[in-house]
Amino acid sequence: ARQRWHWHPLKCNLILGGFLLVDIVY
């Protein structure tokens, strides 16, 4: 998302960071 899709860091953290938090809890 950061290197290829060029997402803004805030967008990455909100979306993928949120997914990662759910994954880590599981």
mmCIF file of all heavy atoms, coordinates in Angstrom:
data_MODEL
# 
_entry.id   MODEL 
# 
loop_
_atom_site.group_PDB 
_atom_site.id 
_atom_site.type_symbol 
_atom_site.label_atom_id 
_atom_site.label_alt_id 
_atom_site.label_comp_id 
_atom_site.label_asym_id 
_atom_site.label_entity_id 
_atom_site.label_seq_id 
_atom_site.pdbx_PDB_ins_code 
_atom_site.Cartn_x 
_atom_site.Cartn_y 
_atom_site.Cartn_z 
_atom_site.occupancy 
_atom_site.B_iso_or_equiv 
_atom_site.pdbx_formal_charge 
_atom_site.auth_seq_id 
_atom_site.auth_comp_id 
_atom_site.auth_asym_id 
_atom_site.auth_atom_id 
_atom_site.pdbx_PDB_model_num 
ATOM 1   N N   . ALA A 1 1  ? 0.825   -1.212  0.000  1.00 0.00 ? 1  ALA A N   1 
ATOM 2   C CA  . ALA A 1 1  ? 0.000   0.000   0.000  1.00 0.00 ? 1  ALA A CA  1 
ATOM 3   C C   . ALA A 1 1  ? 0.861   1.266   0.000  1.00 0.00 ? 1  ALA A C   1 
ATOM 4   O O   . ALA A 1 1  ? 0.545   2.248   -0.681 1.00 0.00 ? 1  ALA A O   1 
ATOM 5   C CB  . ALA A 1 1  ? -0.935  -0.006  1.207  1.00 0.00 ? 1  ALA A CB  1 
ATOM 6   N N   . ARG A 1 2  ? 1.949   1.234   0.757  1.00 0.00 ? 2  ARG A N   1 
ATOM 7   C CA  . ARG A 1 2  ? 2.822   2.414   0.827  1.00 0.00 ? 2  ARG A CA  1 
ATOM 8   C C   . ARG A 1 2  ? 3.688   2.564   -0.435 1.00 0.00 ? 2  ARG A C   1 
ATOM 9   O O   . ARG A 1 2  ? 3.771   3.647   -1.010 1.00 0.00 ? 2  ARG A O   1 
ATOM 10  C CB  . ARG A 1 2  ? 3.733   2.318   2.055  1.00 0.00 ? 2  ARG A CB  1 
ATOM 11  C CG  . ARG A 1 2  ? 3.036   2.574   3.362  1.00 0.00 ? 2  ARG A CG  1 
ATOM 12  C CD  . ARG A 1 2  ? 2.665   4.051   3.581  1.00 0.00 ? 2  ARG A CD  1 
ATOM 13  N NE  . ARG A 1 2  ? 3.842   4.900   3.646  1.00 0.00 ? 2  ARG A NE  1 
ATOM 14  C CZ  . ARG A 1 2  ? 4.045   5.965   2.877  1.00 0.00 ? 2  ARG A CZ  1 
ATOM 15  N NH1 . ARG A 1 2  ? 3.141   6.299   1.974  1.00 0.00 ? 2  ARG A NH1 1 
ATOM 16  N NH2 . ARG A 1 2  ? 5.127   6.705   3.023  1.00 0.00 ? 2  ARG A NH2 1 
ATOM 17  N N   . GLN A 1 3  ? 4.315   1.463   -0.855 1.00 0.00 ? 3  GLN A N   1 
ATOM 18  C CA  . GLN A 1 3  ? 5.299   1.542   -1.928 1.00 0.00 ? 3  GLN A CA  1 
ATOM 19  C C   . GLN A 1 3  ? 4.686   1.467   -3.324 1.00 0.00 ? 3  GLN A C   1 
ATOM 20  O O   . GLN A 1 3  ? 5.196   2.082   -4.251 1.00 0.00 ? 3  GLN A O   1 
ATOM 21  C CB  . GLN A 1 3  ? 6.328   0.399   -1.767 1.00 0.00 ? 3  GLN A CB  1 
ATOM 22  C CG  . GLN A 1 3  ? 7.051   0.379   -0.438 1.00 0.00 ? 3  GLN A CG  1 
ATOM 23  C CD  . GLN A 1 3  ? 7.990   1.561   -0.271 1.00 0.00 ? 3  GLN A CD  1 
ATOM 24  O OE1 . GLN A 1 3  ? 8.462   2.134   -1.247 1.00 0.00 ? 3  GLN A OE1 1 
ATOM 25  N NE2 . GLN A 1 3  ? 8.246   1.954   0.968  1.00 0.00 ? 3  GLN A NE2 1 
ATOM 26  N N   . ARG A 1 4  ? 3.618   0.691   -3.472 1.00 0.00 ? 4  ARG A N   1 
ATOM 27  C CA  . ARG A 1 4  ? 3.062   0.452   -4.815 1.00 0.00 ? 4  ARG A CA  1 
ATOM 28  C C   . ARG A 1 4  ? 1.795   1.255   -5.069 1.00 0.00 ? 4  ARG A C   1 
ATOM 29  O O   . ARG A 1 4  ? 1.611   1.793   -6.153 1.00 0.00 ? 4  ARG A O   1 
ATOM 30  C CB  . ARG A 1 4  ? 2.795   -1.038  -4.988 1.00 0.00 ? 4  ARG A CB  1 
ATOM 31  C CG  . ARG A 1 4  ? 2.532   -1.471  -6.422 1.00 0.00 ? 4  ARG A CG  1 
ATOM 32  C CD  . ARG A 1 4  ? 2.381   -2.977  -6.495 1.00 0.00 ? 4  ARG A CD  1 
ATOM 33  N NE  . ARG A 1 4  ? 2.208   -3.438  -7.866 1.00 0.00 ? 4  ARG A NE  1 
ATOM 34  C CZ  . ARG A 1 4  ? 3.196   -3.766  -8.679 1.00 0.00 ? 4  ARG A CZ  1 
ATOM 35  N NH1 . ARG A 1 4  ? 4.458   -3.679  -8.260 1.00 0.00 ? 4  ARG A NH1 1 
ATOM 36  N NH2 . ARG A 1 4  ? 2.970   -4.180  -9.909 1.00 0.00 ? 4  ARG A NH2 1 
ATOM 37  N N   . TRP A 1 5  ? 0.900   1.286   -4.068 1.00 0.00 ? 5  TRP A N   1 
ATOM 38  C CA  . TRP A 1 5  ? -0.340  2.044   -4.239 1.00 0.00 ? 5  TRP A CA  1 
ATOM 39  C C   . TRP A 1 5  ? -0.177  3.512   -3.848 1.00 0.00 ? 5  TRP A C   1 
ATOM 40  O O   . TRP A 1 5  ? -1.055  4.323   -4.125 1.00 0.00 ? 5  TRP A O   1 
ATOM 41  C CB  . TRP A 1 5  ? -1.457  1.430   -3.395 1.00 0.00 ? 5  TRP A CB  1 
ATOM 42  C CG  . TRP A 1 5  ? -1.751  -0.005  -3.704 1.00 0.00 ? 5  TRP A CG  1 
ATOM 43  C CD1 . TRP A 1 5  ? -1.418  -0.698  -4.838 1.00 0.00 ? 5  TRP A CD1 1 
ATOM 44  C CD2 . TRP A 1 5  ? -2.453  -0.932  -2.865 1.00 0.00 ? 5  TRP A CD2 1 
ATOM 45  N NE1 . TRP A 1 5  ? -1.864  -1.989  -4.760 1.00 0.00 ? 5  TRP A NE1 1 
ATOM 46  C CE2 . TRP A 1 5  ? -2.510  -2.177  -3.563 1.00 0.00 ? 5  TRP A CE2 1 
ATOM 47  C CE3 . TRP A 1 5  ? -3.047  -0.841  -1.612 1.00 0.00 ? 5  TRP A CE3 1 
ATOM 48  C CZ2 . TRP A 1 5  ? -3.119  -3.303  -3.026 1.00 0.00 ? 5  TRP A CZ2 1 
ATOM 49  C CZ3 . TRP A 1 5  ? -3.661  -1.976  -1.079 1.00 0.00 ? 5  TRP A CZ3 1 
ATOM 50  C CH2 . TRP A 1 5  ? -3.700  -3.190  -1.778 1.00 0.00 ? 5  TRP A CH2 1 
ATOM 51  N N   . HIS A 1 6  ? 0.926   3.817   -3.176 1.00 0.00 ? 6  HIS A N   1 
ATOM 52  C CA  . HIS A 1 6  ? 1.235   5.196   -2.749 1.00 0.00 ? 6  HIS A CA  1 
ATOM 53  C C   . HIS A 1 6  ? 0.153   5.775   -1.846 1.00 0.00 ? 6  HIS A C   1 
ATOM 54  O O   . HIS A 1 6  ? -0.236  6.941   -1.967 1.00 0.00 ? 6  HIS A O   1 
ATOM 55  C CB  . HIS A 1 6  ? 1.452   6.103   -3.966 1.00 0.00 ? 6  HIS A CB  1 
ATOM 56  C CG  . HIS A 1 6  ? 2.473   5.567   -4.928 1.00 0.00 ? 6  HIS A CG  1 
ATOM 57  N ND1 . HIS A 1 6  ? 3.806   5.429   -4.600 1.00 0.00 ? 6  HIS A ND1 1 
ATOM 58  C CD2 . HIS A 1 6  ? 2.354   5.103   -6.209 1.00 0.00 ? 6  HIS A CD2 1 
ATOM 59  C CE1 . HIS A 1 6  ? 4.463   4.923   -5.638 1.00 0.00 ? 6  HIS A CE1 1 
ATOM 60  N NE2 . HIS A 1 6  ? 3.612   4.703   -6.623 1.00 0.00 ? 6  HIS A NE2 1 
ATOM 61  N N   . TRP A 1 7  ? -0.338  4.944   -0.940 1.00 0.00 ? 7  TRP A N   1 
ATOM 62  C CA  . TRP A 1 7  ? -1.297  5.425   0.046  1.00 0.00 ? 7  TRP A CA  1 
ATOM 63  C C   . TRP A 1 7  ? -0.612  6.379   1.008  1.00 0.00 ? 7  TRP A C   1 
ATOM 64  O O   . TRP A 1 7  ? 0.565   6.222   1.344  1.00 0.00 ? 7  TRP A O   1 
ATOM 65  C CB  . TRP A 1 7  ? -1.867  4.250   0.837  1.00 0.00 ? 7  TRP A CB  1 
ATOM 66  C CG  . TRP A 1 7  ? -2.986  3.518   0.147  1.00 0.00 ? 7  TRP A CG  1 
ATOM 67  C CD1 . TRP A 1 7  ? -3.333  3.595   -1.170 1.00 0.00 ? 7  TRP A CD1 1 
ATOM 68  C CD2 . TRP A 1 7  ? -3.878  2.576   0.743  1.00 0.00 ? 7  TRP A CD2 1 
ATOM 69  N NE1 . TRP A 1 7  ? -4.392  2.769   -1.430 1.00 0.00 ? 7  TRP A NE1 1 
ATOM 70  C CE2 . TRP A 1 7  ? -4.751  2.134   -0.282 1.00 0.00 ? 7  TRP A CE2 1 
ATOM 71  C CE3 . TRP A 1 7  ? -4.034  2.070   2.035  1.00 0.00 ? 7  TRP A CE3 1 
ATOM 72  C CZ2 . TRP A 1 7  ? -5.757  1.199   -0.043 1.00 0.00 ? 7  TRP A CZ2 1 
ATOM 73  C CZ3 . TRP A 1 7  ? -5.039  1.145   2.274  1.00 0.00 ? 7  TRP A CZ3 1 
ATOM 74  C CH2 . TRP A 1 7  ? -5.889  0.717   1.240  1.00 0.00 ? 7  TRP A CH2 1 
ATOM 75  N N   . HIS A 1 8  ? -1.375  7.352   1.477  1.00 0.00 ? 8  HIS A N   1 
ATOM 76  C CA  . HIS A 1 8  ? -0.879  8.272   2.498  1.00 0.00 ? 8  HIS A CA  1 
ATOM 77  C C   . HIS A 1 8  ? -0.635  7.486   3.786  1.00 0.00 ? 8  HIS A C   1 
ATOM 78  O O   . HIS A 1 8  ? -1.389  6.558   4.117  1.00 0.00 ? 8  HIS A O   1 
ATOM 79  C CB  . HIS A 1 8  ? -1.908  9.379   2.741  1.00 0.00 ? 8  HIS A CB  1 
ATOM 80  C CG  . HIS A 1 8  ? -1.411  10.496  3.599  1.00 0.00 ? 8  HIS A CG  1 
ATOM 81  N ND1 . HIS A 1 8  ? -1.394  10.426  4.988  1.00 0.00 ? 8  HIS A ND1 1 
ATOM 82  C CD2 . HIS A 1 8  ? -0.895  11.718  3.274  1.00 0.00 ? 8  HIS A CD2 1 
ATOM 83  C CE1 . HIS A 1 8  ? -0.899  11.541  5.475  1.00 0.00 ? 8  HIS A CE1 1 
ATOM 84  N NE2 . HIS A 1 8  ? -0.591  12.348  4.455  1.00 0.00 ? 8  HIS A NE2 1 
ATOM 85  N N   . PRO A 1 9  ? 0.427   7.823   4.550  1.00 0.00 ? 9  PRO A N   1 
ATOM 86  C CA  . PRO A 1 9  ? 0.697   7.089   5.802  1.00 0.00 ? 9  PRO A CA  1 
ATOM 87  C C   . PRO A 1 9  ? -0.505  7.030   6.747  1.00 0.00 ? 9  PRO A C   1 
ATOM 88  O O   . PRO A 1 9  ? -0.746  6.012   7.389  1.00 0.00 ? 9  PRO A O   1 
ATOM 89  C CB  . PRO A 1 9  ? 1.852   7.882   6.422  1.00 0.00 ? 9  PRO A CB  1 
ATOM 90  C CG  . PRO A 1 9  ? 2.543   8.511   5.268  1.00 0.00 ? 9  PRO A CG  1 
ATOM 91  C CD  . PRO A 1 9  ? 1.476   8.812   4.258  1.00 0.00 ? 9  PRO A CD  1 
ATOM 92  N N   . LEU A 1 10 ? -1.273  8.122   6.820  1.00 0.00 ? 10 LEU A N   1 
ATOM 93  C CA  . LEU A 1 10 ? -2.439  8.132   7.698  1.00 0.00 ? 10 LEU A CA  1 
ATOM 94  C C   . LEU A 1 10 ? -3.477  7.114   7.237  1.00 0.00 ? 10 LEU A C   1 
ATOM 95  O O   . LEU A 1 10 ? -4.058  6.381   8.048  1.00 0.00 ? 10 LEU A O   1 
ATOM 96  C CB  . LEU A 1 10 ? -3.061  9.533   7.723  1.00 0.00 ? 10 LEU A CB  1 
ATOM 97  C CG  . LEU A 1 10 ? -4.287  9.705   8.641  1.00 0.00 ? 10 LEU A CG  1 
ATOM 98  C CD1 . LEU A 1 10 ? -3.906  9.393   10.091 1.00 0.00 ? 10 LEU A CD1 1 
ATOM 99  C CD2 . LEU A 1 10 ? -4.861  11.118  8.517  1.00 0.00 ? 10 LEU A CD2 1 
ATOM 100 N N   . LYS A 1 11 ? -3.689  7.022   5.917  1.00 0.00 ? 11 LYS A N   1 
ATOM 101 C CA  . LYS A 1 11 ? -4.636  6.064   5.366  1.00 0.00 ? 11 LYS A CA  1 
ATOM 102 C C   . LYS A 1 11 ? -4.177  4.631   5.650  1.00 0.00 ? 11 LYS A C   1 
ATOM 103 O O   . LYS A 1 11 ? -4.968  3.766   6.032  1.00 0.00 ? 11 LYS A O   1 
ATOM 104 C CB  . LYS A 1 11 ? -4.788  6.291   3.856  1.00 0.00 ? 11 LYS A CB  1 
ATOM 105 C CG  . LYS A 1 11 ? -5.822  5.388   3.193  1.00 0.00 ? 11 LYS A CG  1 
ATOM 106 C CD  . LYS A 1 11 ? -5.928  5.702   1.696  1.00 0.00 ? 11 LYS A CD  1 
ATOM 107 C CE  . LYS A 1 11 ? -6.967  4.816   1.011  1.00 0.00 ? 11 LYS A CE  1 
ATOM 108 N NZ  . LYS A 1 11 ? -7.066  5.107   -0.439 1.00 0.00 ? 11 LYS A NZ  1 
ATOM 109 N N   . CYS A 1 12 ? -2.881  4.387   5.468  1.00 0.00 ? 12 CYS A N   1 
ATOM 110 C CA  . CYS A 1 12 ? -2.317  3.059   5.759  1.00 0.00 ? 12 CYS A CA  1 
ATOM 111 C C   . CYS A 1 12 ? -2.517  2.681   7.218  1.00 0.00 ? 12 CYS A C   1 
ATOM 112 O O   . CYS A 1 12 ? -2.929  1.563   7.538  1.00 0.00 ? 12 CYS A O   1 
ATOM 113 C CB  . CYS A 1 12 ? -0.820  3.032   5.430  1.00 0.00 ? 12 CYS A CB  1 
ATOM 114 S SG  . CYS A 1 12 ? -0.445  2.645   3.729  1.00 0.00 ? 12 CYS A SG  1 
ATOM 115 N N   . ASN A 1 13 ? -2.211  3.613   8.093  1.00 0.00 ? 13 ASN A N   1 
ATOM 116 C CA  . ASN A 1 13 ? -2.298  3.313   9.522  1.00 0.00 ? 13 ASN A CA  1 
ATOM 117 C C   . ASN A 1 13 ? -3.738  3.086   9.967  1.00 0.00 ? 13 ASN A C   1 
ATOM 118 O O   . ASN A 1 13 ? -4.018  2.199   10.784 1.00 0.00 ? 13 ASN A O   1 
ATOM 119 C CB  . ASN A 1 13 ? -1.674  4.449   10.339 1.00 0.00 ? 13 ASN A CB  1 
ATOM 120 C CG  . ASN A 1 13 ? -0.164  4.507   10.192 1.00 0.00 ? 13 ASN A CG  1 
ATOM 121 O OD1 . ASN A 1 13 ? 0.480   3.466   10.033 1.00 0.00 ? 13 ASN A OD1 1 
ATOM 122 N ND2 . ASN A 1 13 ? 0.409   5.704   10.230 1.00 0.00 ? 13 ASN A ND2 1 
ATOM 123 N N   . LEU A 1 14 ? -4.653  3.889   9.415  1.00 0.00 ? 14 LEU A N   1 
ATOM 124 C CA  . LEU A 1 14 ? -6.052  3.747   9.813  1.00 0.00 ? 14 LEU A CA  1 
ATOM 125 C C   . LEU A 1 14 ? -6.659  2.441   9.307  1.00 0.00 ? 14 LEU A C   1 
ATOM 126 O O   . LEU A 1 14 ? -7.307  1.708   10.056 1.00 0.00 ? 14 LEU A O   1 
ATOM 127 C CB  . LEU A 1 14 ? -6.868  4.935   9.297  1.00 0.00 ? 14 LEU A CB  1 
ATOM 128 C CG  . LEU A 1 14 ? -6.693  6.262   10.046 1.00 0.00 ? 14 LEU A CG  1 
ATOM 129 C CD1 . LEU A 1 14 ? -7.484  7.366   9.354  1.00 0.00 ? 14 LEU A CD1 1 
ATOM 130 C CD2 . LEU A 1 14 ? -7.140  6.121   11.499 1.00 0.00 ? 14 LEU A CD2 1 
ATOM 131 N N   . ILE A 1 15 ? -6.430  2.144   8.025  1.00 0.00 ? 15 ILE A N   1 
ATOM 132 C CA  . ILE A 1 15 ? -7.083  0.976   7.416  1.00 0.00 ? 15 ILE A CA  1 
ATOM 133 C C   . ILE A 1 15 ? -6.317  -0.305  7.729  1.00 0.00 ? 15 ILE A C   1 
ATOM 134 O O   . ILE A 1 15 ? -6.819  -1.211  8.394  1.00 0.00 ? 15 ILE A O   1 
ATOM 135 C CB  . ILE A 1 15 ? -7.241  1.176   5.895  1.00 0.00 ? 15 ILE A CB  1 
ATOM 136 C CG1 . ILE A 1 15 ? -8.156  2.384   5.611  1.00 0.00 ? 15 ILE A CG1 1 
ATOM 137 C CG2 . ILE A 1 15 ? -7.801  -0.090  5.248  1.00 0.00 ? 15 ILE A CG2 1 
ATOM 138 C CD1 . ILE A 1 15 ? -8.313  2.718   4.144  1.00 0.00 ? 15 ILE A CD1 1 
ATOM 139 N N   . LEU A 1 16 ? -5.073  -0.377  7.256  1.00 0.00 ? 16 LEU A N   1 
ATOM 140 C CA  . LEU A 1 16 ? -4.305  -1.609  7.444  1.00 0.00 ? 16 LEU A CA  1 
ATOM 141 C C   . LEU A 1 16 ? -3.845  -1.771  8.889  1.00 0.00 ? 16 LEU A C   1 
ATOM 142 O O   . LEU A 1 16 ? -3.729  -2.894  9.389  1.00 0.00 ? 16 LEU A O   1 
ATOM 143 C CB  . LEU A 1 16 ? -3.121  -1.634  6.483  1.00 0.00 ? 16 LEU A CB  1 
ATOM 144 C CG  . LEU A 1 16 ? -3.558  -1.837  5.021  1.00 0.00 ? 16 LEU A CG  1 
ATOM 145 C CD1 . LEU A 1 16 ? -2.435  -1.479  4.057  1.00 0.00 ? 16 LEU A CD1 1 
ATOM 146 C CD2 . LEU A 1 16 ? -4.020  -3.257  4.764  1.00 0.00 ? 16 LEU A CD2 1 
ATOM 147 N N   . GLY A 1 17 ? -3.588  -0.629  9.556  1.00 0.00 ? 17 GLY A N   1 
ATOM 148 C CA  . GLY A 1 17 ? -3.261  -0.714  10.983 1.00 0.00 ? 17 GLY A CA  1 
ATOM 149 C C   . GLY A 1 17 ? -4.426  -1.271  11.782 1.00 0.00 ? 17 GLY A C   1 
ATOM 150 O O   . GLY A 1 17 ? -4.249  -2.056  12.715 1.00 0.00 ? 17 GLY A O   1 
ATOM 151 N N   . GLY A 1 18 ? -5.653  -0.875  11.401 1.00 0.00 ? 18 GLY A N   1 
ATOM 152 C CA  . GLY A 1 18 ? -6.840  -1.420  12.052 1.00 0.00 ? 18 GLY A CA  1 
ATOM 153 C C   . GLY A 1 18 ? -6.984  -2.918  11.811 1.00 0.00 ? 18 GLY A C   1 
ATOM 154 O O   . GLY A 1 18 ? -7.276  -3.692  12.734 1.00 0.00 ? 18 GLY A O   1 
ATOM 155 N N   . PHE A 1 19 ? -6.767  -3.336  10.542 1.00 0.00 ? 19 PHE A N   1 
ATOM 156 C CA  . PHE A 1 19 ? -6.813  -4.771  10.236 1.00 0.00 ? 19 PHE A CA  1 
ATOM 157 C C   . PHE A 1 19 ? -5.758  -5.531  11.040 1.00 0.00 ? 19 PHE A C   1 
ATOM 158 O O   . PHE A 1 19 ? -6.023  -6.624  11.559 1.00 0.00 ? 19 PHE A O   1 
ATOM 159 C CB  . PHE A 1 19 ? -6.577  -5.008  8.746  1.00 0.00 ? 19 PHE A CB  1 
ATOM 160 C CG  . PHE A 1 19 ? -7.687  -4.529  7.856  1.00 0.00 ? 19 PHE A CG  1 
ATOM 161 C CD1 . PHE A 1 19 ? -7.433  -4.127  6.553  1.00 0.00 ? 19 PHE A CD1 1 
ATOM 162 C CD2 . PHE A 1 19 ? -8.999  -4.479  8.305  1.00 0.00 ? 19 PHE A CD2 1 
ATOM 163 C CE1 . PHE A 1 19 ? -8.446  -3.699  5.720  1.00 0.00 ? 19 PHE A CE1 1 
ATOM 164 C CE2 . PHE A 1 19 ? -10.026 -4.050  7.485  1.00 0.00 ? 19 PHE A CE2 1 
ATOM 165 C CZ  . PHE A 1 19 ? -9.743  -3.650  6.183  1.00 0.00 ? 19 PHE A CZ  1 
ATOM 166 N N   . LEU A 1 20 ? -4.555  -4.966  11.125 1.00 0.00 ? 20 LEU A N   1 
ATOM 167 C CA  . LEU A 1 20 ? -3.463  -5.629  11.834 1.00 0.00 ? 20 LEU A CA  1 
ATOM 168 C C   . LEU A 1 20 ? -3.793  -5.782  13.318 1.00 0.00 ? 20 LEU A C   1 
ATOM 169 O O   . LEU A 1 20 ? -3.481  -6.818  13.930 1.00 0.00 ? 20 LEU A O   1 
ATOM 170 C CB  . LEU A 1 20 ? -2.159  -4.841  11.656 1.00 0.00 ? 20 LEU A CB  1 
ATOM 171 C CG  . LEU A 1 20 ? -0.907  -5.467  12.281 1.00 0.00 ? 20 LEU A CG  1 
ATOM 172 C CD1 . LEU A 1 20 ? -0.635  -6.840  11.682 1.00 0.00 ? 20 LEU A CD1 1 
ATOM 173 C CD2 . LEU A 1 20 ? 0.297   -4.547  12.078 1.00 0.00 ? 20 LEU A CD2 1 
ATOM 174 N N   . LEU A 1 21 ? -4.423  -4.765  13.903 1.00 0.00 ? 21 LEU A N   1 
ATOM 175 C CA  . LEU A 1 21 ? -4.803  -4.840  15.320 1.00 0.00 ? 21 LEU A CA  1 
ATOM 176 C C   . LEU A 1 21 ? -5.776  -6.005  15.549 1.00 0.00 ? 21 LEU A C   1 
ATOM 177 O O   . LEU A 1 21 ? -5.618  -6.786  16.497 1.00 0.00 ? 21 LEU A O   1 
ATOM 178 C CB  . LEU A 1 21 ? -5.448  -3.519  15.756 1.00 0.00 ? 21 LEU A CB  1 
ATOM 179 C CG  . LEU A 1 21 ? -5.930  -3.459  17.209 1.00 0.00 ? 21 LEU A CG  1 
ATOM 180 C CD1 . LEU A 1 21 ? -4.757  -3.637  18.172 1.00 0.00 ? 21 LEU A CD1 1 
ATOM 181 C CD2 . LEU A 1 21 ? -6.648  -2.136  17.483 1.00 0.00 ? 21 LEU A CD2 1 
ATOM 182 N N   . VAL A 1 22 ? -6.775  -6.134  14.662 1.00 0.00 ? 22 VAL A N   1 
ATOM 183 C CA  . VAL A 1 22 ? -7.730  -7.237  14.772 1.00 0.00 ? 22 VAL A CA  1 
ATOM 184 C C   . VAL A 1 22 ? -7.008  -8.574  14.637 1.00 0.00 ? 22 VAL A C   1 
ATOM 185 O O   . VAL A 1 22 ? -7.244  -9.511  15.413 1.00 0.00 ? 22 VAL A O   1 
ATOM 186 C CB  . VAL A 1 22 ? -8.835  -7.102  13.697 1.00 0.00 ? 22 VAL A CB  1 
ATOM 187 C CG1 . VAL A 1 22 ? -9.724  -8.348  13.674 1.00 0.00 ? 22 VAL A CG1 1 
ATOM 188 C CG2 . VAL A 1 22 ? -9.680  -5.862  13.945 1.00 0.00 ? 22 VAL A CG2 1 
ATOM 189 N N   . ASP A 1 23 ? -6.105  -8.674  13.653 1.00 0.00 ? 23 ASP A N   1 
ATOM 190 C CA  . ASP A 1 23 ? -5.365  -9.925  13.430 1.00 0.00 ? 23 ASP A CA  1 
ATOM 191 C C   . ASP A 1 23 ? -4.526  -10.298 14.645 1.00 0.00 ? 23 ASP A C   1 
ATOM 192 O O   . ASP A 1 23 ? -4.471  -11.473 15.043 1.00 0.00 ? 23 ASP A O   1 
ATOM 193 C CB  . ASP A 1 23 ? -4.446  -9.788  12.211 1.00 0.00 ? 23 ASP A CB  1 
ATOM 194 C CG  . ASP A 1 23 ? -5.208  -9.685  10.904 1.00 0.00 ? 23 ASP A CG  1 
ATOM 195 O OD1 . ASP A 1 23 ? -6.397  -10.060 10.884 1.00 0.00 ? 23 ASP A OD1 1 
ATOM 196 O OD2 . ASP A 1 23 ? -4.620  -9.230  9.908  1.00 0.00 ? 23 ASP A OD2 1 
ATOM 197 N N   . ILE A 1 24 ? -3.847  -9.309  15.221 1.00 0.00 ? 24 ILE A N   1 
ATOM 198 C CA  . ILE A 1 24 ? -2.969  -9.588  16.365 1.00 0.00 ? 24 ILE A CA  1 
ATOM 199 C C   . ILE A 1 24 ? -3.782  -10.043 17.576 1.00 0.00 ? 24 ILE A C   1 
ATOM 200 O O   . ILE A 1 24 ? -3.372  -10.955 18.299 1.00 0.00 ? 24 ILE A O   1 
ATOM 201 C CB  . ILE A 1 24 ? -2.121  -8.339  16.700 1.00 0.00 ? 24 ILE A CB  1 
ATOM 202 C CG1 . ILE A 1 24 ? -1.069  -8.119  15.606 1.00 0.00 ? 24 ILE A CG1 1 
ATOM 203 C CG2 . ILE A 1 24 ? -1.448  -8.495  18.062 1.00 0.00 ? 24 ILE A CG2 1 
ATOM 204 C CD1 . ILE A 1 24 ? -0.275  -6.829  15.762 1.00 0.00 ? 24 ILE A CD1 1 
ATOM 205 N N   . VAL A 1 25 ? -4.942  -9.411  17.786 1.00 0.00 ? 25 VAL A N   1 
ATOM 206 C CA  . VAL A 1 25 ? -5.799  -9.829  18.908 1.00 0.00 ? 25 VAL A CA  1 
ATOM 207 C C   . VAL A 1 25 ? -6.252  -11.269 18.709 1.00 0.00 ? 25 VAL A C   1 
ATOM 208 O O   . VAL A 1 25 ? -6.204  -12.097 19.633 1.00 0.00 ? 25 VAL A O   1 
ATOM 209 C CB  . VAL A 1 25 ? -7.007  -8.885  19.045 1.00 0.00 ? 25 VAL A CB  1 
ATOM 210 C CG1 . VAL A 1 25 ? -8.007  -9.442  20.055 1.00 0.00 ? 25 VAL A CG1 1 
ATOM 211 C CG2 . VAL A 1 25 ? -6.555  -7.497  19.485 1.00 0.00 ? 25 VAL A CG2 1 
ATOM 212 N N   . TYR A 1 26 ? -6.676  -11.603 17.491 1.00 0.00 ? 26 TYR A N   1 
ATOM 213 C CA  . TYR A 1 26 ? -7.091  -12.980 17.213 1.00 0.00 ? 26 TYR A CA  1 
ATOM 214 C C   . TYR A 1 26 ? -5.920  -13.953 17.383 1.00 0.00 ? 26 TYR A C   1 
ATOM 215 O O   . TYR A 1 26 ? -6.071  -15.039 17.955 1.00 0.00 ? 26 TYR A O   1 
ATOM 216 C CB  . TYR A 1 26 ? -7.658  -13.087 15.794 1.00 0.00 ? 26 TYR A CB  1 
ATOM 217 C CG  . TYR A 1 26 ? -9.168  -13.051 15.741 1.00 0.00 ? 26 TYR A CG  1 
ATOM 218 C CD1 . TYR A 1 26 ? -9.841  -12.031 15.087 1.00 0.00 ? 26 TYR A CD1 1 
ATOM 219 C CD2 . TYR A 1 26 ? -9.921  -14.049 16.344 1.00 0.00 ? 26 TYR A CD2 1 
ATOM 220 C CE1 . TYR A 1 26 ? -11.235 -11.997 15.030 1.00 0.00 ? 26 TYR A CE1 1 
ATOM 221 C CE2 . TYR A 1 26 ? -11.307 -14.029 16.301 1.00 0.00 ? 26 TYR A CE2 1 
ATOM 222 C CZ  . TYR A 1 26 ? -11.956 -13.009 15.646 1.00 0.00 ? 26 TYR A CZ  1 
ATOM 223 O OH  . TYR A 1 26 ? -13.336 -12.987 15.615 1.00 0.00 ? 26 TYR A OH  1 
# 
